[in-house]
Protein backbone atom coordinates (compact mmCIF):
# COMPACT_ATOMS: atom_id res chain seq x y z
CA MET A 1 15.38 -10.77 10.30
CA GLY A 2 14.59 -10.99 13.98
CA ILE A 3 11.48 -12.53 15.47
CA ILE A 4 10.00 -9.16 16.44
CA LYS A 5 10.36 -7.86 12.90
CA LYS A 6 8.73 -11.03 11.56
CA ILE A 7 5.82 -10.57 13.96
CA LEU A 8 5.45 -6.92 12.91
CA LEU A 9 5.50 -7.94 9.24
CA ALA A 10 2.81 -10.56 9.88
CA ILE A 11 0.66 -8.03 11.74
CA VAL A 12 0.95 -5.52 8.88
CA ILE A 13 0.01 -8.10 6.25
CA ILE A 14 -2.85 -9.56 8.30
CA ALA A 15 -4.22 -6.07 9.03
CA GLY A 16 -4.14 -5.28 5.32
CA VAL A 17 -5.99 -8.47 4.42
CA LEU A 18 -8.59 -7.87 7.16
CA ASN A 19 -9.14 -4.33 5.92
CA ILE A 20 -9.64 -5.60 2.38
CA SER A 21 -12.10 -8.25 3.56
CA ARG A 22 -14.06 -5.54 5.39
CA GLN A 23 -14.12 -3.42 2.23
CA ALA A 24 -15.20 -6.46 0.18
CA HIS A 25 -18.01 -7.17 2.62
CA GLU A 26 -19.13 -3.55 2.49
CA TYR A 27 -18.82 -2.86 -1.25
CA GLY A 28 -18.89 -6.26 -2.90
CA LEU A 29 -16.59 -8.99 -4.11
CA ASP A 30 -15.45 -7.18 -7.27
CA ILE A 31 -14.17 -4.20 -5.27
CA GLY A 32 -12.55 -6.58 -2.79
CA LEU A 33 -10.73 -8.40 -5.59
CA GLN A 34 -9.54 -5.13 -7.09
CA LEU A 35 -8.23 -3.96 -3.72
CA LEU A 36 -6.64 -7.35 -3.09
CA THR A 37 -4.83 -7.11 -6.43
CA VAL A 38 -3.47 -3.67 -5.56
CA PHE A 39 -2.48 -4.92 -2.09
CA ILE A 40 -0.65 -7.97 -3.45
CA LEU A 41 1.20 -5.94 -6.09
CA SER A 42 2.24 -3.22 -3.65
CA THR A 43 3.29 -5.75 -1.00
CA ALA A 44 5.30 -7.75 -3.53
CA PHE A 45 6.98 -4.57 -4.73
CA LEU A 46 7.82 -3.44 -1.20
CA TRP A 47 9.09 -6.89 -0.27
CA ARG A 48 11.40 -7.07 -3.31
CA TRP A 49 12.54 -3.47 -2.98
CA ALA A 50 13.20 -3.61 0.77
CA SER A 51 15.01 -6.94 0.40
CA GLY A 52 17.48 -5.35 -1.99
CA TYR A 53 16.40 -7.12 -5.16
CA LEU A 54 15.62 -3.80 -6.86
CA PRO A 55 18.75 -1.76 -6.11
CA HIS A 56 18.21 0.62 -9.03
CA ILE A 57 15.02 1.99 -7.42
CA GLY A 58 15.69 4.72 -4.87
CA LYS A 59 13.63 5.76 -1.87
CA SER A 60 11.94 8.65 -3.65
CA VAL A 61 10.82 6.42 -6.53
CA ALA A 62 9.56 3.78 -4.07
CA ILE A 63 7.59 6.46 -2.21
CA THR A 64 6.13 7.69 -5.51
CA ILE A 65 5.12 4.14 -6.47
CA MET A 66 3.43 3.67 -3.11
CA MET A 67 1.62 7.01 -3.49
CA VAL A 68 0.30 5.87 -6.86
CA THR A 69 -0.88 2.53 -5.45
CA MET A 70 -2.57 4.38 -2.58
CA LEU A 71 -4.26 6.68 -5.08
CA ILE A 72 -5.44 3.69 -7.14
CA ALA A 73 -6.85 2.00 -4.03
CA ARG A 74 -8.58 5.22 -2.96
CA VAL A 75 -10.17 5.68 -6.39
CA ILE A 76 -11.38 2.06 -6.29
CA VAL A 77 -13.08 2.72 -2.95
CA GLU A 78 -14.56 6.00 -4.18
CA TYR A 79 -15.80 4.24 -7.30
CA ALA A 80 -17.57 1.75 -5.03
CA ILE A 81 -19.09 4.60 -3.04
CA ALA A 82 -20.24 6.33 -6.22
CA ASP A 83 -21.72 3.10 -7.54
CA HIS A 84 -23.45 2.41 -4.23
CA LEU A 85 -24.95 5.91 -4.05
CA HIS A 86 -25.66 6.08 -7.80
CA VAL A 87 -23.75 9.33 -8.28
CA ASP A 88 -20.89 10.42 -10.52
CA LEU A 89 -17.35 9.36 -9.54
CA VAL A 90 -16.00 12.87 -10.12
CA GLU A 91 -18.59 14.21 -7.69
CA VAL A 92 -17.47 11.75 -5.01
CA ILE A 93 -13.79 12.61 -5.54
CA HIS A 94 -14.56 16.34 -5.46
CA THR A 95 -16.54 15.94 -2.23
CA SER A 96 -13.78 13.84 -0.71
CA LEU A 97 -11.11 16.39 -1.58
CA LYS A 98 -13.24 19.31 -0.43
CA TYR A 99 -14.39 17.95 2.93
CA SER A 100 -11.47 15.74 3.93
CA PRO A 101 -8.22 17.04 2.44
CA TRP A 102 -6.33 15.98 5.55
CA LEU A 103 -7.27 12.37 4.84
CA TRP A 104 -5.60 12.59 1.44
CA LEU A 105 -2.53 14.26 2.94
CA ALA A 106 -2.34 11.62 5.66
CA MET A 107 -2.56 8.84 3.09
CA PHE A 108 0.23 10.34 1.00
CA LEU A 109 2.41 10.80 4.09
CA GLY A 110 1.49 7.26 5.11
CA SER A 111 2.96 6.04 1.83
CA GLY A 112 6.32 7.46 2.81
CA VAL A 113 6.08 6.02 6.31
CA LYS A 114 5.21 2.63 4.82
CA VAL A 115 8.29 2.68 2.58
CA PHE A 116 10.61 3.59 5.46
CA PHE A 117 8.96 0.99 7.71
CA TRP A 118 9.48 -1.78 5.17
CA ARG A 119 13.06 -0.66 4.59
CA TRP A 120 13.68 -0.84 8.35
CA LEU A 121 12.05 -4.30 8.56
CA PHE A 122 14.31 -5.67 5.86
CA ALA A 123 17.52 -3.86 6.84
CA GLY A 124 19.39 -7.08 7.74
CA VAL A 125 18.05 -8.96 4.74
CA ARG A 126 19.12 -6.12 2.48
CA GLN A 127 22.72 -6.41 3.74
CA GLU A 128 22.74 -10.19 3.21
CA ASN A 129 21.44 -9.85 -0.35
CA ARG A 130 23.94 -7.12 -1.13
CA SER A 131 26.84 -9.35 -0.02
CA GLU A 132 25.50 -12.29 -2.08
CA VAL A 133 25.38 -10.16 -5.22
CA THR A 134 28.95 -8.89 -4.80
CA ALA A 135 30.42 -12.32 -3.98
């Protein structure tokens, strides 16, 4: 992996951690820890998948897994909003879907972009791991 790809990877991970720390500051430590758990699991999955250690998982399955993790993270944030405003979670989700459907669509499309971005970052590593397995 080249130096530019390593820098991009570091920027993506640092931006994710900073976003989680902002959410934790805004909604509390418990929400921050839940989001951090989802972030660590999704990052570990993407790292292993893009590196070629999970060859039986295709792109479409990886995109689906990332969509599910995005949905989990979104529900965690909406739970925090509902708890903060003392309203029902279903009401918050309904309002979010009704007044910002493009946000949901952008997040689902972002899941696909994230998968392809990670695959591009680890393209050279994937080839090295593939040759090690066959040797």
